Protein backbone atom coordinates (compact mmCIF):
# COMPACT_ATOMS: atom_id res chain seq x y z
CA MET A 1 0.00 0.00 0.00
CA LYS A 2 2.86 2.32 0.84
CA SER A 3 4.40 1.67 -2.59
CA LEU A 4 1.16 2.50 -4.37
CA PHE A 5 0.81 5.69 -2.35
CA LEU A 6 4.40 6.67 -3.19
CA LEU A 7 3.86 5.89 -6.87
CA ILE A 8 0.71 7.99 -7.07
CA PHE A 9 2.28 10.98 -5.37
CA THR A 10 5.48 10.93 -7.43
CA VAL A 11 4.43 9.85 -10.92
CA VAL A 12 1.07 11.62 -11.23
CA PRO A 13 2.44 15.13 -10.50
CA VAL A 14 5.29 14.58 -12.99
CA LEU A 15 2.82 13.54 -15.69
CA ALA A 16 0.55 16.47 -14.89
CA MET A 17 3.48 18.87 -15.03
CA ALA A 18 4.50 17.51 -18.45
CA GLN A 19 1.00 18.25 -19.74
CA THR A 20 0.93 21.81 -18.42
CA LYS A 21 4.47 22.74 -19.44
CA PRO A 22 4.35 24.76 -22.69
CA LEU A 23 5.26 22.78 -25.79
CA GLN A 24 8.78 23.58 -26.98
CA THR A 25 9.83 23.89 -30.60
CA VAL A 26 13.22 23.31 -32.15
CA PRO A 27 15.57 26.30 -31.84
CA LYS A 28 15.84 27.03 -35.59
CA VAL A 29 14.39 25.85 -38.91
CA ASP A 30 15.88 26.58 -42.33
CA LEU A 31 12.66 26.80 -44.34
CA ASN A 32 14.41 26.29 -47.67
CA ARG A 33 15.76 22.95 -46.42
CA TYR A 34 12.38 22.04 -44.92
CA LEU A 35 10.57 22.48 -48.24
CA GLY A 36 9.83 19.40 -50.34
CA THR A 37 7.95 16.17 -49.74
CA TRP A 38 7.52 14.49 -46.36
CA TYR A 39 5.96 11.06 -45.70
CA GLU A 40 3.72 10.66 -42.68
CA ILE A 41 5.16 7.85 -40.55
CA ALA A 42 2.70 8.14 -37.67
CA THR A 43 -0.02 10.48 -36.44
CA ILE A 44 -2.62 11.01 -33.79
CA PRO A 45 -5.61 10.46 -36.12
CA GLN A 46 -7.84 13.43 -36.83
CA ARG A 47 -11.32 13.59 -38.31
CA PHE A 48 -10.06 15.44 -41.41
CA GLN A 49 -7.64 12.56 -42.18
CA LYS A 50 -10.12 9.74 -41.62
CA GLY A 51 -9.30 6.71 -43.76
CA CYS A 52 -6.09 8.20 -45.17
CA THR A 53 -3.13 5.95 -45.95
CA GLY A 54 0.05 6.68 -47.88
CA VAL A 55 -0.06 10.27 -46.60
CA THR A 56 2.43 12.84 -47.91
CA ALA A 57 2.81 16.57 -47.42
CA THR A 58 4.66 18.68 -49.99
CA TYR A 59 5.75 22.22 -49.19
CA SER A 60 6.92 24.80 -51.72
CA LEU A 61 7.71 28.49 -51.45
CA ARG A 62 5.27 30.97 -52.95
CA LYS A 63 6.20 34.32 -54.52
CA ASP A 64 4.56 36.15 -51.60
CA GLY A 65 6.84 34.38 -49.10
CA LYS A 66 4.15 32.03 -47.82
CA ILE A 67 4.28 28.28 -48.31
CA ASP A 68 2.09 26.18 -50.58
CA VAL A 69 0.94 22.99 -48.87
CA LEU A 70 -0.21 19.92 -50.78
CA ASN A 71 -1.45 17.04 -48.63
CA GLN A 72 -2.16 13.77 -50.43
CA CYS A 73 -3.39 10.34 -49.41
CA TYR A 74 -5.17 7.22 -50.57
CA LYS A 75 -8.63 6.62 -49.14
CA ASP A 76 -9.04 3.48 -46.99
CA SER A 77 -6.11 1.53 -48.51
CA LEU A 78 -2.88 2.07 -50.43
CA ASN A 79 -4.84 1.09 -53.56
CA GLY A 80 -7.75 3.39 -52.74
CA LYS A 81 -8.88 6.57 -54.39
CA HIS A 82 -6.23 9.31 -54.50
CA LYS A 83 -7.25 12.41 -52.51
CA GLN A 84 -5.52 15.75 -52.14
CA VAL A 85 -6.05 19.09 -50.50
CA HIS A 86 -4.21 22.36 -51.11
CA GLY A 87 -3.48 24.90 -48.42
CA LYS A 88 -1.03 27.55 -47.39
CA ALA A 89 1.21 28.15 -44.43
CA TRP A 90 3.01 31.15 -43.02
CA VAL A 91 5.63 31.69 -40.35
CA VAL A 92 4.43 33.22 -37.08
CA ASP A 93 7.78 33.08 -35.26
CA LYS A 94 10.37 34.90 -37.41
CA GLU A 95 13.11 34.22 -34.84
CA THR A 96 13.06 30.40 -35.06
CA TYR A 97 10.80 29.72 -38.08
CA ALA A 98 9.56 26.72 -36.06
CA LYS A 99 6.03 28.02 -35.48
CA LEU A 100 3.73 28.29 -38.45
CA LYS A 101 0.03 28.57 -39.15
CA VAL A 102 -1.57 26.31 -41.78
CA GLN A 103 -4.83 27.04 -43.53
CA PHE A 104 -6.80 24.75 -45.84
CA PHE A 105 -10.20 26.44 -45.58
CA TRP A 106 -10.63 30.15 -44.93
CA PRO A 107 -11.04 31.51 -42.28
CA PHE A 108 -9.80 28.54 -40.24
CA SER A 109 -6.09 27.99 -39.54
CA GLY A 110 -4.17 25.77 -37.18
CA SER A 111 -0.86 25.87 -35.36
CA TYR A 112 1.97 23.89 -36.96
CA TRP A 113 4.91 23.70 -34.56
CA ILE A 114 8.10 21.86 -35.48
CA ILE A 115 9.09 20.20 -32.22
CA GLU A 116 11.73 17.72 -33.44
CA LEU A 117 13.95 18.00 -36.51
CA ASP A 118 17.02 16.34 -37.95
CA SER A 119 18.96 19.60 -37.93
CA VAL A 120 21.85 18.14 -39.96
CA GLU A 121 20.19 16.43 -42.93
CA TYR A 122 16.49 17.34 -42.53
CA GLN A 123 15.52 13.68 -42.92
CA TYR A 124 12.87 13.60 -40.17
CA ALA A 125 10.62 16.07 -38.41
CA VAL A 126 7.88 16.00 -35.80
CA VAL A 127 5.05 18.50 -35.98
CA GLY A 128 2.86 19.18 -32.99
CA HIS A 129 0.26 21.57 -31.67
CA PRO A 130 0.39 23.52 -28.38
CA ASN A 131 -2.60 21.55 -27.01
CA ARG A 132 -0.84 18.23 -27.80
CA ASN A 133 -3.95 16.82 -29.54
CA TYR A 134 -2.23 16.85 -32.93
CA LEU A 135 0.99 15.09 -33.85
CA TRP A 136 2.70 14.05 -37.07
CA ILE A 137 5.97 12.14 -37.36
CA LEU A 138 7.41 12.84 -40.79
CA CYS A 139 10.27 11.42 -42.83
CA ARG A 140 11.77 12.11 -46.26
CA THR A 141 11.34 8.42 -47.11
CA PRO A 142 8.30 6.14 -46.73
CA GLU A 143 9.98 4.21 -43.91
CA MET A 144 11.82 5.39 -40.81
CA ASP A 145 14.59 3.53 -39.03
CA GLU A 146 13.02 1.75 -36.03
CA GLY A 147 15.76 2.97 -33.67
CA ARG A 148 15.16 6.59 -34.65
CA TYR A 149 11.38 6.08 -34.40
CA GLY A 150 11.77 4.65 -30.89
CA ASP A 151 14.00 7.57 -29.85
CA LEU A 152 11.41 10.04 -31.14
CA LEU A 153 8.61 8.29 -29.25
CA ARG A 154 10.65 8.44 -26.04
CA ARG A 155 11.37 12.16 -26.53
CA LEU A 156 7.74 12.89 -27.35
CA GLN A 157 6.69 11.42 -24.01
CA GLU A 158 9.57 12.50 -21.77
CA VAL A 159 10.47 15.91 -23.24
CA HIS A 160 7.26 17.09 -24.89
CA GLY A 161 4.66 15.50 -22.61
CA TYR A 162 2.65 13.74 -25.33
CA ASP A 163 0.23 10.93 -24.53
CA LEU A 164 1.04 8.48 -27.32
CA SER A 165 -1.80 6.05 -26.60
CA TYR A 166 -3.65 7.35 -29.69
CA LEU A 167 -0.63 7.42 -32.01
CA LYS A 168 -1.06 5.25 -35.12
CA LYS A 169 1.50 4.28 -37.72
CA THR A 170 0.57 5.32 -41.24
CA PRO A 171 0.80 2.66 -43.97
CA GLN A 172 3.03 3.85 -46.82
CA LYS A 173 3.81 2.58 -50.30
CA THR A 174 7.41 1.39 -50.27
CA ASP A 175 7.85 0.25 -53.87
């Protein structure tokens, strides 16, 4: 009984603190290196992505300095109907370039915070939201090294305070 009491009063406050601590972004993003196509490796599923597999996001710079966003997927299976949606993004933190807003349907926009990034080769990124209800693990290739994936999951829980119980891997075409 003493052990249970000790566990409750040490672990629960730590978990609660992780959830109330503000979400941290990476210190700096080079947007030109971030542009291009990313494969969704895993996500906390959202209503607007229901049934999506083989998800990719492609970012390109617009003449006005904003970013074109093209999200694509296959509906219900990797052989399903191809779907896509166009949007735009813009930087809201000009110091780090790690906080953006994304808009697919006016007037609604959402926070797009880069919270993990391969700062050397830009081969993986993790995008989150300040409320921690949204999460995307992205990679430049359809598959991510399992060791790297495991490290990211650990960091998402321990450093960023994410509850990963809803996280789902995204099937990708690997041919």
